């Protein structure tokens, strides 16, 4: 993918992060009275039909944004093309694993 597209994707995920983090923060600290303190409260919160898709999207966006940030750092270090390609494969794999694991945990909460 062209460098400009990676930069644009990082900018888009950064903006999405600001929005999703804001929603997450408001829901966790202002909508849930007294905060979510017990496992049962977290499960009830996550099972809300508007919350679980937002939390799943939040996990995806933060994971992709973090991977792109690490990629940008590697670019600044001046890696060779071959090493950058290998690093991108590792970052992609780690991002996929993090998202799949997080979604699996979310599914466990949803399904009980």
PDB file of N, CA and C in Angstrom:
ATOM      1  N   UNK A   1       0.858  -1.175   0.000  1.00  0.00           N
ATOM      2  CA  UNK A   1       0.000   0.000   0.000  1.00  0.00           C
ATOM      3  C   UNK A   1       0.906   1.241   0.000  1.00  0.00           C
ATOM      4  N   UNK A   2       0.511   2.202  -0.721  1.00  0.00           N
ATOM      5  CA  UNK A   2       1.279   3.450  -0.827  1.00  0.00           C
ATOM      6  C   UNK A   2       1.350   4.135   0.545  1.00  0.00           C
ATOM      7  N   UNK A   3       2.481   4.767   0.841  1.00  0.00           N
ATOM      8  CA  UNK A   3       2.710   5.407   2.147  1.00  0.00           C
ATOM      9  C   UNK A   3       1.621   6.412   2.520  1.00  0.00           C
ATOM     10  N   UNK A   4       1.135   7.144   1.538  1.00  0.00           N
ATOM     11  CA  UNK A   4       0.101   8.144   1.803  1.00  0.00           C
ATOM     12  C   UNK A   4      -1.177   7.477   2.310  1.00  0.00           C
ATOM     13  N   UNK A   5      -1.469   6.296   1.785  1.00  0.00           N
ATOM     14  CA  UNK A   5      -2.670   5.570   2.237  1.00  0.00           C
ATOM     15  C   UNK A   5      -2.522   5.092   3.674  1.00  0.00           C
ATOM     16  N   UNK A   6      -1.303   4.617   4.032  1.00  0.00           N
ATOM     17  CA  UNK A   6      -1.074   4.201   5.419  1.00  0.00           C
ATOM     18  C   UNK A   6      -1.241   5.391   6.354  1.00  0.00           C
ATOM     19  N   UNK A   7      -0.689   6.538   5.934  1.00  0.00           N
ATOM     20  CA  UNK A   7      -0.804   7.743   6.753  1.00  0.00           C
ATOM     21  C   UNK A   7      -2.277   8.137   6.906  1.00  0.00           C
ATOM     22  N   UNK A   8      -3.014   8.087   5.804  1.00  0.00           N
ATOM     23  CA  UNK A   8      -4.429   8.448   5.838  1.00  0.00           C
ATOM     24  C   UNK A   8      -5.200   7.494   6.747  1.00  0.00           C
ATOM     25  N   UNK A   9      -4.901   6.188   6.652  1.00  0.00           N
ATOM     26  CA  UNK A   9      -5.577   5.215   7.514  1.00  0.00           C
ATOM     27  C   UNK A   9      -5.262   5.495   8.975  1.00  0.00           C
ATOM     28  N   UNK A  10      -4.028   5.867   9.291  1.00  0.00           N
ATOM     29  CA  UNK A  10      -3.692   6.192  10.670  1.00  0.00           C
ATOM     30  C   UNK A  10      -4.431   7.452  11.129  1.00  0.00           C
ATOM     31  N   UNK A  11      -4.563   8.424  10.252  1.00  0.00           N
ATOM     32  CA  UNK A  11      -5.296   9.642  10.610  1.00  0.00           C
ATOM     33  C   UNK A  11      -6.776   9.329  10.843  1.00  0.00           C
ATOM     34  N   UNK A  12      -7.360   8.511   9.992  1.00  0.00           N
ATOM     35  CA  UNK A  12      -8.782   8.143  10.140  1.00  0.00           C
ATOM     36  C   UNK A  12      -8.996   7.365  11.434  1.00  0.00           C
ATOM     37  N   UNK A  13      -8.106   6.389  11.710  1.00  0.00           N
ATOM     38  CA  UNK A  13      -8.270   5.632  12.951  1.00  0.00           C
ATOM     39  C   UNK A  13      -8.027   6.524  14.170  1.00  0.00           C
ATOM     40  N   UNK A  14      -7.151   7.522  14.038  1.00  0.00           N
ATOM     41  CA  UNK A  14      -6.934   8.460  15.131  1.00  0.00           C
ATOM     42  C   UNK A  14      -8.184   9.273  15.434  1.00  0.00           C
ATOM     43  N   UNK A  15      -8.841   9.750  14.387  1.00  0.00           N
ATOM     44  CA  UNK A  15     -10.099  10.491  14.587  1.00  0.00           C
ATOM     45  C   UNK A  15     -11.186   9.587  15.164  1.00  0.00           C
ATOM     46  N   UNK A  16     -11.262   8.367  14.637  1.00  0.00           N
ATOM     47  CA  UNK A  16     -12.248   7.414  15.159  1.00  0.00           C
ATOM     48  C   UNK A  16     -11.959   7.104  16.622  1.00  0.00           C
ATOM     49  N   UNK A  17     -10.682   7.027  16.957  1.00  0.00           N
ATOM     50  CA  UNK A  17     -10.299   6.758  18.342  1.00  0.00           C
ATOM     51  C   UNK A  17     -10.778   7.859  19.284  1.00  0.00           C
ATOM     52  N   UNK A  18     -10.625   9.093  18.869  1.00  0.00           N
ATOM     53  CA  UNK A  18     -11.082  10.210  19.703  1.00  0.00           C
ATOM     54  C   UNK A  18     -12.582  10.077  19.964  1.00  0.00           C
ATOM     55  N   UNK A  19     -13.343   9.787  18.933  1.00  0.00           N
ATOM     56  CA  UNK A  19     -14.800   9.631  19.062  1.00  0.00           C
ATOM     57  C   UNK A  19     -15.148   8.426  19.933  1.00  0.00           C
ATOM     58  N   UNK A  20     -14.578   7.250  19.609  1.00  0.00           N
ATOM     59  CA  UNK A  20     -14.914   6.021  20.328  1.00  0.00           C
ATOM     60  C   UNK A  20     -14.420   6.051  21.771  1.00  0.00           C
ATOM     61  N   UNK A  21     -13.244   6.616  21.991  1.00  0.00           N
ATOM     62  CA  UNK A  21     -12.743   6.735  23.360  1.00  0.00           C
ATOM     63  C   UNK A  21     -13.645   7.664  24.166  1.00  0.00           C
ATOM     64  N   UNK A  22     -14.099   8.736  23.541  1.00  0.00           N
ATOM     65  CA  UNK A  22     -15.034   9.639  24.214  1.00  0.00           C
ATOM     66  C   UNK A  22     -16.323   8.934  24.597  1.00  0.00           C
ATOM     67  N   UNK A  23     -16.877   8.172  23.671  1.00  0.00           N
ATOM     68  CA  UNK A  23     -18.098   7.418  23.977  1.00  0.00           C
ATOM     69  C   UNK A  23     -17.862   6.405  25.094  1.00  0.00           C
ATOM     70  N   UNK A  24     -16.756   5.685  24.988  1.00  0.00           N
ATOM     71  CA  UNK A  24     -16.408   4.684  25.996  1.00  0.00           C
ATOM     72  C   UNK A  24     -16.279   5.340  27.365  1.00  0.00           C
ATOM     73  N   UNK A  25     -15.584   6.458  27.414  1.00  0.00           N
ATOM     74  CA  UNK A  25     -15.357   7.156  28.673  1.00  0.00           C
ATOM     75  C   UNK A  25     -16.667   7.660  29.283  1.00  0.00           C
ATOM     76  N   UNK A  26     -17.495   8.285  28.462  1.00  0.00           N
ATOM     77  CA  UNK A  26     -18.779   8.790  28.955  1.00  0.00           C
ATOM     78  C   UNK A  26     -19.645   7.642  29.466  1.00  0.00           C
ATOM     79  N   UNK A  27     -19.715   6.568  28.691  1.00  0.00           N
ATOM     80  CA  UNK A  27     -20.547   5.425  29.096  1.00  0.00           C
ATOM     81  C   UNK A  27     -20.030   4.799  30.389  1.00  0.00           C
ATOM     82  N   UNK A  28     -18.721   4.672  30.514  1.00  0.00           N
ATOM     83  CA  UNK A  28     -18.141   4.027  31.694  1.00  0.00           C
ATOM     84  C   UNK A  28     -18.258   4.896  32.947  1.00  0.00           C
ATOM     85  N   UNK A  29     -18.158   6.202  32.790  1.00  0.00           N
ATOM     86  CA  UNK A  29     -18.073   7.059  33.964  1.00  0.00           C
ATOM     87  C   UNK A  29     -19.313   7.887  34.254  1.00  0.00           C
ATOM     88  N   UNK A  30     -20.172   8.065  33.272  1.00  0.00           N
ATOM     89  CA  UNK A  30     -21.334   8.924  33.509  1.00  0.00           C
ATOM     90  C   UNK A  30     -22.673   8.209  33.334  1.00  0.00           C
ATOM     91  N   UNK A  31     -22.758   7.315  32.392  1.00  0.00           N
ATOM     92  CA  UNK A  31     -24.027   6.625  32.163  1.00  0.00           C
ATOM     93  C   UNK A  31     -24.207   5.497  33.165  1.00  0.00           C
ATOM     94  N   UNK A  32     -23.151   4.718  33.389  1.00  0.00           N
ATOM     95  CA  UNK A  32     -23.209   3.631  34.370  1.00  0.00           C
ATOM     96  C   UNK A  32     -23.044   4.256  35.757  1.00  0.00           C
ATOM     97  N   UNK A  33     -24.150   4.335  36.494  1.00  0.00           N
ATOM     98  CA  UNK A  33     -24.120   4.987  37.807  1.00  0.00           C
ATOM     99  C   UNK A  33     -23.116   4.310  38.726  1.00  0.00           C
ATOM    100  N   UNK A  34     -22.185   5.085  39.248  1.00  0.00           N
ATOM    101  CA  UNK A  34     -21.179   4.544  40.152  1.00  0.00           C
ATOM    102  C   UNK A  34     -20.113   3.725  39.457  1.00  0.00           C
ATOM    103  N   UNK A  35     -20.188   3.648  38.132  1.00  0.00           N
ATOM    104  CA  UNK A  35     -19.215   2.852  37.382  1.00  0.00           C
ATOM    105  C   UNK A  35     -19.583   1.380  37.372  1.00  0.00           C
ATOM    106  N   UNK A  36     -18.898   0.633  36.552  1.00  0.00           N
ATOM    107  CA  UNK A  36     -19.124  -0.807  36.460  1.00  0.00           C
ATOM    108  C   UNK A  36     -18.185  -1.481  37.452  1.00  0.00           C
ATOM    109  N   UNK A  37     -18.774  -2.028  38.514  1.00  0.00           N
ATOM    110  CA  UNK A  37     -17.927  -2.539  39.599  1.00  0.00           C
ATOM    111  C   UNK A  37     -17.879  -4.055  39.677  1.00  0.00           C
ATOM    112  N   UNK A  38     -18.894  -4.717  39.179  1.00  0.00           N
ATOM    113  CA  UNK A  38     -18.917  -6.173  39.294  1.00  0.00           C
ATOM    114  C   UNK A  38     -18.944  -6.803  37.902  1.00  0.00           C
ATOM    115  N   UNK A  39     -18.616  -8.064  37.869  1.00  0.00           N
ATOM    116  CA  UNK A  39     -18.648  -8.812  36.608  1.00  0.00           C
ATOM    117  C   UNK A  39     -20.049  -8.778  36.002  1.00  0.00           C
ATOM    118  N   UNK A  40     -21.067  -8.945  36.832  1.00  0.00           N
ATOM    119  CA  UNK A  40     -22.448  -8.929  36.342  1.00  0.00           C
ATOM    120  C   UNK A  40     -22.818  -7.577  35.737  1.00  0.00           C
ATOM    121  N   UNK A  41     -22.323  -6.489  36.296  1.00  0.00           N
ATOM    122  CA  UNK A  41     -22.581  -5.164  35.745  1.00  0.00           C
ATOM    123  C   UNK A  41     -21.907  -4.998  34.388  1.00  0.00           C
ATOM    124  N   UNK A  42     -20.698  -5.503  34.268  1.00  0.00           N
ATOM    125  CA  UNK A  42     -19.980  -5.426  32.989  1.00  0.00           C
ATOM    126  C   UNK A  42     -20.720  -6.237  31.931  1.00  0.00           C
ATOM    127  N   UNK A  43     -21.147  -7.438  32.285  1.00  0.00           N
ATOM    128  CA  UNK A  43     -21.874  -8.287  31.330  1.00  0.00           C
ATOM    129  C   UNK A  43     -23.170  -7.615  30.896  1.00  0.00           C
ATOM    130  N   UNK A  44     -23.919  -7.068  31.832  1.00  0.00           N
ATOM    131  CA  UNK A  44     -25.170  -6.389  31.493  1.00  0.00           C
ATOM    132  C   UNK A  44     -24.906  -5.191  30.586  1.00  0.00           C
ATOM    133  N   UNK A  45     -23.851  -4.455  30.869  1.00  0.00           N
ATOM    134  CA  UNK A  45     -23.482  -3.300  30.060  1.00  0.00           C
ATOM    135  C   UNK A  45     -23.116  -3.722  28.644  1.00  0.00           C
ATOM    136  N   UNK A  46     -22.259  -4.714  28.522  1.00  0.00           N
ATOM    137  CA  UNK A  46     -21.782  -5.163  27.215  1.00  0.00           C
ATOM    138  C   UNK A  46     -22.903  -5.778  26.389  1.00  0.00           C
ATOM    139  N   UNK A  47     -23.876  -6.372  27.020  1.00  0.00           N
ATOM    140  CA  UNK A  47     -24.974  -7.005  26.284  1.00  0.00           C
ATOM    141  C   UNK A  47     -25.964  -6.006  25.686  1.00  0.00           C
ATOM    142  N   UNK A  48     -25.832  -4.744  26.034  1.00  0.00           N
ATOM    143  CA  UNK A  48     -26.712  -3.735  25.439  1.00  0.00           C
ATOM    144  C   UNK A  48     -26.467  -3.707  23.928  1.00  0.00           C
ATOM    145  N   UNK A  49     -27.530  -3.681  23.113  1.00  0.00           N
ATOM    146  CA  UNK A  49     -27.355  -3.790  21.653  1.00  0.00           C
ATOM    147  C   UNK A  49     -26.579  -2.639  21.005  1.00  0.00           C
ATOM    148  N   UNK A  50     -26.426  -1.515  21.667  1.00  0.00           N
ATOM    149  CA  UNK A  50     -25.613  -0.435  21.111  1.00  0.00           C
ATOM    150  C   UNK A  50     -24.169  -0.482  21.600  1.00  0.00           C
ATOM    151  N   UNK A  51     -23.947  -1.126  22.726  1.00  0.00           N
ATOM    152  CA  UNK A  51     -22.624  -1.097  23.356  1.00  0.00           C
ATOM    153  C   UNK A  51     -21.666  -2.102  22.735  1.00  0.00           C
ATOM    154  N   UNK A  52     -22.085  -3.352  22.588  1.00  0.00           N
ATOM    155  CA  UNK A  52     -21.108  -4.347  22.124  1.00  0.00           C
ATOM    156  C   UNK A  52     -20.539  -4.051  20.738  1.00  0.00           C
ATOM    157  N   UNK A  53     -21.330  -3.532  19.777  1.00  0.00           N
ATOM    158  CA  UNK A  53     -20.686  -3.206  18.502  1.00  0.00           C
ATOM    159  C   UNK A  53     -19.694  -2.045  18.632  1.00  0.00           C
ATOM    160  N   UNK A  54     -20.013  -1.076  19.493  1.00  0.00           N
ATOM    161  CA  UNK A  54     -19.085   0.041  19.701  1.00  0.00           C
ATOM    162  C   UNK A  54     -17.796  -0.423  20.368  1.00  0.00           C
ATOM    163  N   UNK A  55     -17.909  -1.313  21.339  1.00  0.00           N
ATOM    164  CA  UNK A  55     -16.714  -1.838  22.001  1.00  0.00           C
ATOM    165  C   UNK A  55     -15.884  -2.682  21.037  1.00  0.00           C
ATOM    166  N   UNK A  56     -16.544  -3.461  20.180  1.00  0.00           N
ATOM    167  CA  UNK A  56     -15.821  -4.267  19.177  1.00  0.00           C
ATOM    168  C   UNK A  56     -15.111  -3.360  18.177  1.00  0.00           C
ATOM    169  N   UNK A  57     -15.774  -2.311  17.751  1.00  0.00           N
ATOM    170  CA  UNK A  57     -15.163  -1.354  16.837  1.00  0.00           C
ATOM    171  C   UNK A  57     -14.009  -0.613  17.512  1.00  0.00           C
ATOM    172  N   UNK A  58     -14.195  -0.252  18.773  1.00  0.00           N
ATOM    173  CA  UNK A  58     -13.156   0.424  19.547  1.00  0.00           C
ATOM    174  C   UNK A  58     -11.890  -0.436  19.598  1.00  0.00           C
ATOM    175  N   UNK A  59     -12.042  -1.727  19.865  1.00  0.00           N
ATOM    176  CA  UNK A  59     -10.896  -2.637  19.900  1.00  0.00           C
ATOM    177  C   UNK A  59     -10.198  -2.702  18.547  1.00  0.00           C
ATOM    178  N   UNK A  60     -10.964  -2.803  17.481  1.00  0.00           N
ATOM    179  CA  UNK A  60     -10.382  -2.864  16.134  1.00  0.00           C
ATOM    180  C   UNK A  60      -9.614  -1.578  15.818  1.00  0.00           C
ATOM    181  N   UNK A  61     -10.236  -0.448  16.073  1.00  0.00           N
ATOM    182  CA  UNK A  61      -9.634   0.842  15.738  1.00  0.00           C
ATOM    183  C   UNK A  61      -8.359   1.084  16.547  1.00  0.00           C
ATOM    184  N   UNK A  62      -8.392   0.807  17.845  1.00  0.00           N
ATOM    185  CA  UNK A  62      -7.198   1.046  18.664  1.00  0.00           C
ATOM    186  C   UNK A  62      -6.074   0.098  18.265  1.00  0.00           C
ATOM    187  N   UNK A  63      -6.399  -1.124  17.891  1.00  0.00           N
ATOM    188  CA  UNK A  63      -5.373  -2.089  17.485  1.00  0.00           C
ATOM    189  C   UNK A  63      -4.721  -1.684  16.168  1.00  0.00           C
ATOM    190  N   UNK A  64      -5.528  -1.294  15.197  1.00  0.00           N
ATOM    191  CA  UNK A  64      -4.988  -0.880  13.899  1.00  0.00           C
ATOM    192  C   UNK A  64      -4.168   0.399  14.057  1.00  0.00           C
ATOM    193  N   UNK A  65      -4.678   1.343  14.824  1.00  0.00           N
ATOM    194  CA  UNK A  65      -3.962   2.599  15.026  1.00  0.00           C
ATOM    195  C   UNK A  65      -2.611   2.350  15.707  1.00  0.00           C
ATOM    196  N   UNK A  66      -2.589   1.486  16.702  1.00  0.00           N
ATOM    197  CA  UNK A  66      -1.333   1.169  17.392  1.00  0.00           C
ATOM    198  C   UNK A  66      -0.338   0.508  16.446  1.00  0.00           C
ATOM    199  N   UNK A  67      -0.807  -0.435  15.633  1.00  0.00           N
ATOM    200  CA  UNK A  67       0.089  -1.112  14.690  1.00  0.00           C
ATOM    201  C   UNK A  67       0.657  -0.124  13.673  1.00  0.00           C
ATOM    202  N   UNK A  68      -0.174   0.780  13.195  1.00  0.00           N
ATOM    203  CA  UNK A  68       0.306   1.779  12.243  1.00  0.00           C
ATOM    204  C   UNK A  68       1.300   2.739  12.897  1.00  0.00           C
ATOM    205  N   UNK A  69       1.092   3.046  14.166  1.00  0.00           N
ATOM    206  CA  UNK A  69       2.034   3.885  14.887  1.00  0.00           C
ATOM    207  C   UNK A  69       3.383   3.202  15.043  1.00  0.00           C
ATOM    208  N   UNK A  70       3.361   1.917  15.382  1.00  0.00           N
ATOM    209  CA  UNK A  70       4.613   1.159  15.483  1.00  0.00           C
ATOM    210  C   UNK A  70       5.303   1.067  14.121  1.00  0.00           C
ATOM    211  N   UNK A  71       4.518   0.898  13.064  1.00  0.00           N
ATOM    212  CA  UNK A  71       5.077   0.858  11.708  1.00  0.00           C
ATOM    213  C   UNK A  71       5.765   2.184  11.384  1.00  0.00           C
ATOM    214  N   UNK A  72       5.146   3.287  11.769  1.00  0.00           N
ATOM    215  CA  UNK A  72       5.736   4.603  11.513  1.00  0.00           C
ATOM    216  C   UNK A  72       7.068   4.754  12.258  1.00  0.00           C
ATOM    217  N   UNK A  73       7.131   4.236  13.467  1.00  0.00           N
ATOM    218  CA  UNK A  73       8.385   4.286  14.224  1.00  0.00           C
ATOM    219  C   UNK A  73       9.454   3.473  13.508  1.00  0.00           C
ATOM    220  N   UNK A  74       9.088   2.291  13.020  1.00  0.00           N
ATOM    221  CA  UNK A  74      10.050   1.456  12.292  1.00  0.00           C
ATOM    222  C   UNK A  74      10.538   2.149  11.019  1.00  0.00           C
ATOM    223  N   UNK A  75       9.640   2.860  10.344  1.00  0.00           N
ATOM    224  CA  UNK A  75      10.047   3.627   9.162  1.00  0.00           C
ATOM    225  C   UNK A  75      11.070   4.701   9.540  1.00  0.00           C
ATOM    226  N   UNK A  76      10.833   5.359  10.659  1.00  0.00           N
ATOM    227  CA  UNK A  76      11.759   6.402  11.115  1.00  0.00           C
ATOM    228  C   UNK A  76      13.131   5.831  11.475  1.00  0.00           C
ATOM    229  N   UNK A  77      13.166   4.572  11.866  1.00  0.00           N
ATOM    230  CA  UNK A  77      14.442   3.940  12.199  1.00  0.00           C
ATOM    231  C   UNK A  77      15.253   3.577  10.963  1.00  0.00           C
ATOM    232  N   UNK A  78      14.621   3.666   9.789  1.00  0.00           N
ATOM    233  CA  UNK A  78      15.334   3.425   8.544  1.00  0.00           C
ATOM    234  C   UNK A  78      15.577   1.962   8.223  1.00  0.00           C
ATOM    235  N   UNK A  79      14.608   1.114   8.543  1.00  0.00           N
ATOM    236  CA  UNK A  79      14.751  -0.311   8.220  1.00  0.00           C
ATOM    237  C   UNK A  79      14.858  -0.519   6.715  1.00  0.00           C
ATOM    238  N   UNK A  80      15.556  -1.573   6.350  1.00  0.00           N
ATOM    239  CA  UNK A  80      15.612  -1.927   4.931  1.00  0.00           C
ATOM    240  C   UNK A  80      14.229  -2.380   4.488  1.00  0.00           C
ATOM    241  N   UNK A  81      14.007  -2.402   3.202  1.00  0.00           N
ATOM    242  CA  UNK A  81      12.700  -2.804   2.659  1.00  0.00           C
ATOM    243  C   UNK A  81      12.327  -4.216   3.106  1.00  0.00           C
ATOM    244  N   UNK A  82      13.292  -5.128   3.074  1.00  0.00           N
ATOM    245  CA  UNK A  82      13.022  -6.522   3.474  1.00  0.00           C
ATOM    246  C   UNK A  82      12.660  -6.611   4.951  1.00  0.00           C
ATOM    247  N   UNK A  83      13.401  -5.901   5.799  1.00  0.00           N
ATOM    248  CA  UNK A  83      13.092  -5.927   7.238  1.00  0.00           C
ATOM    249  C   UNK A  83      11.770  -5.250   7.540  1.00  0.00           C
ATOM    250  N   UNK A  84      11.475  -4.180   6.829  1.00  0.00           N
ATOM    251  CA  UNK A  84      10.190  -3.508   7.026  1.00  0.00           C
ATOM    252  C   UNK A  84       9.040  -4.438   6.633  1.00  0.00           C
ATOM    253  N   UNK A  85       9.207  -5.166   5.551  1.00  0.00           N
ATOM    254  CA  UNK A  85       8.169  -6.105   5.126  1.00  0.00           C
ATOM    255  C   UNK A  85       7.941  -7.180   6.188  1.00  0.00           C
ATOM    256  N   UNK A  86       9.021  -7.718   6.735  1.00  0.00           N
ATOM    257  CA  UNK A  86       8.887  -8.734   7.794  1.00  0.00           C
ATOM    258  C   UNK A  86       8.231  -8.134   9.037  1.00  0.00           C
ATOM    259  N   UNK A  87       8.643  -6.929   9.390  1.00  0.00           N
ATOM    260  CA  UNK A  87       8.058  -6.265  10.555  1.00  0.00           C
ATOM    261  C   UNK A  87       6.569  -6.023  10.338  1.00  0.00           C
ATOM    262  N   UNK A  88       6.186  -5.628   9.138  1.00  0.00           N
ATOM    263  CA  UNK A  88       4.766  -5.408   8.827  1.00  0.00           C
ATOM    264  C   UNK A  88       3.979  -6.704   8.946  1.00  0.00           C
ATOM    265  N   UNK A  89       4.572  -7.814   8.523  1.00  0.00           N
ATOM    266  CA  UNK A  89       3.886  -9.102   8.657  1.00  0.00           C
ATOM    267  C   UNK A  89       3.676  -9.449  10.132  1.00  0.00           C
ATOM    268  N   UNK A  90       4.710  -9.207  10.949  1.00  0.00           N
ATOM    269  CA  UNK A  90       4.591  -9.474  12.382  1.00  0.00           C
ATOM    270  C   UNK A  90       3.542  -8.560  13.006  1.00  0.00           C
ATOM    271  N   UNK A  91       3.581  -7.284  12.675  1.00  0.00           N
ATOM    272  CA  UNK A  91       2.592  -6.340  13.212  1.00  0.00           C
ATOM    273  C   UNK A  91       1.176  -6.720  12.792  1.00  0.00           C
ATOM    274  N   UNK A  92       1.019  -7.121  11.544  1.00  0.00           N
ATOM    275  CA  UNK A  92      -0.300  -7.540  11.059  1.00  0.00           C
ATOM    276  C   UNK A  92      -0.790  -8.765  11.823  1.00  0.00           C
ATOM    277  N   UNK A  93       0.086  -9.733  12.012  1.00  0.00           N
ATOM    278  CA  UNK A  93      -0.285 -10.939  12.744  1.00  0.00           C
ATOM    279  C   UNK A  93      -0.652 -10.614  14.185  1.00  0.00           C
ATOM    280  N   UNK A  94       0.168  -9.803  14.858  1.00  0.00           N
ATOM    281  CA  UNK A  94      -0.129  -9.427  16.241  1.00  0.00           C
ATOM    282  C   UNK A  94      -1.436  -8.649  16.353  1.00  0.00           C
ATOM    283  N   UNK A  95      -1.689  -7.771  15.388  1.00  0.00           N
ATOM    284  CA  UNK A  95      -2.940  -7.011  15.391  1.00  0.00           C
ATOM    285  C   UNK A  95      -4.133  -7.935  15.216  1.00  0.00           C
ATOM    286  N   UNK A  96      -4.028  -8.853  14.269  1.00  0.00           N
ATOM    287  CA  UNK A  96      -5.113  -9.822  14.056  1.00  0.00           C
ATOM    288  C   UNK A  96      -5.344 -10.669  15.298  1.00  0.00           C
ATOM    289  N   UNK A  97      -4.267 -11.146  15.902  1.00  0.00           N
ATOM    290  CA  UNK A  97      -4.409 -11.949  17.120  1.00  0.00           C
ATOM    291  C   UNK A  97      -5.068 -11.155  18.243  1.00  0.00           C
ATOM    292  N   UNK A  98      -4.671  -9.909  18.422  1.00  0.00           N
ATOM    293  CA  UNK A  98      -5.256  -9.072  19.473  1.00  0.00           C
ATOM    294  C   UNK A  98      -6.740  -8.842  19.234  1.00  0.00           C
ATOM    295  N   UNK A  99      -7.102  -8.548  17.992  1.00  0.00           N
ATOM    296  CA  UNK A  99      -8.511  -8.283  17.670  1.00  0.00           C
ATOM    297  C   UNK A  99      -9.347  -9.552  17.810  1.00  0.00           C
ATOM    298  N   UNK A 100      -8.859 -10.652  17.270  1.00  0.00           N
ATOM    299  CA  UNK A 100      -9.610 -11.912  17.362  1.00  0.00           C
ATOM    300  C   UNK A 100      -9.774 -12.328  18.820  1.00  0.00           C
ATOM    301  N   UNK A 101      -8.706 -12.221  19.601  1.00  0.00           N
ATOM    302  CA  UNK A 101      -8.799 -12.567  21.020  1.00  0.00           C
ATOM    303  C   UNK A 101      -9.783 -11.646  21.746  1.00  0.00           C
ATOM    304  N   UNK A 102      -9.707 -10.359  21.498  1.00  0.00           N
ATOM    305  CA  UNK A 102     -10.631  -9.416  22.130  1.00  0.00           C
ATOM    306  C   UNK A 102     -12.073  -9.678  21.734  1.00  0.00           C
ATOM    307  N   UNK A 103     -12.286  -9.962  20.450  1.00  0.00           N
ATOM    308  CA  UNK A 103     -13.652 -10.268  20.005  1.00  0.00           C
ATOM    309  C   UNK A 103     -14.139 -11.584  20.596  1.00  0.00           C
ATOM    310  N   UNK A 104     -13.237 -12.552  20.769  1.00  0.00           N
ATOM    311  CA  UNK A 104     -13.606 -13.807  21.393  1.00  0.00           C
ATOM    312  C   UNK A 104     -14.045 -13.563  22.832  1.00  0.00           C
ATOM    313  N   UNK A 105     -13.278 -12.736  23.573  1.00  0.00           N
ATOM    314  CA  UNK A 105     -13.661 -12.398  24.936  1.00  0.00           C
ATOM    315  C   UNK A 105     -15.008 -11.685  24.978  1.00  0.00           C
ATOM    316  N   UNK A 106     -15.212 -10.769  24.039  1.00  0.00           N
ATOM    317  CA  UNK A 106     -16.488 -10.064  23.968  1.00  0.00           C
ATOM    318  C   UNK A 106     -17.626 -11.036  23.696  1.00  0.00           C
ATOM    319  N   UNK A 107     -17.407 -11.988  22.794  1.00  0.00           N
ATOM    320  CA  UNK A 107     -18.425 -13.002  22.497  1.00  0.00           C
ATOM    321  C   UNK A 107     -18.725 -13.845  23.731  1.00  0.00           C
ATOM    322  N   UNK A 108     -17.694 -14.162  24.500  1.00  0.00           N
ATOM    323  CA  UNK A 108     -17.908 -14.934  25.748  1.00  0.00           C
ATOM    324  C   UNK A 108     -18.802 -14.162  26.725  1.00  0.00           C
ATOM    325  N   UNK A 109     -18.586 -12.846  26.792  1.00  0.00           N
ATOM    326  CA  UNK A 109     -19.439 -12.032  27.666  1.00  0.00           C
ATOM    327  C   UNK A 109     -20.869 -11.986  27.131  1.00  0.00           C
ATOM    328  N   UNK A 110     -21.000 -11.881  25.824  1.00  0.00           N
ATOM    329  CA  UNK A 110     -22.334 -11.785  25.222  1.00  0.00           C
ATOM    330  C   UNK A 110     -23.120 -13.089  25.360  1.00  0.00           C
ATOM    331  N   UNK A 111     -22.427 -14.206  25.200  1.00  0.00           N
ATOM    332  CA  UNK A 111     -23.104 -15.497  25.209  1.00  0.00           C
ATOM    333  C   UNK A 111     -23.178 -16.133  26.590  1.00  0.00           C
ATOM    334  N   UNK A 112     -22.463 -15.562  27.529  1.00  0.00           N
ATOM    335  CA  UNK A 112     -22.501 -16.053  28.900  1.00  0.00           C
ATOM    336  C   UNK A 112     -21.720 -17.280  29.040  1.00  0.00           C
TER     337      UNK A 112
END
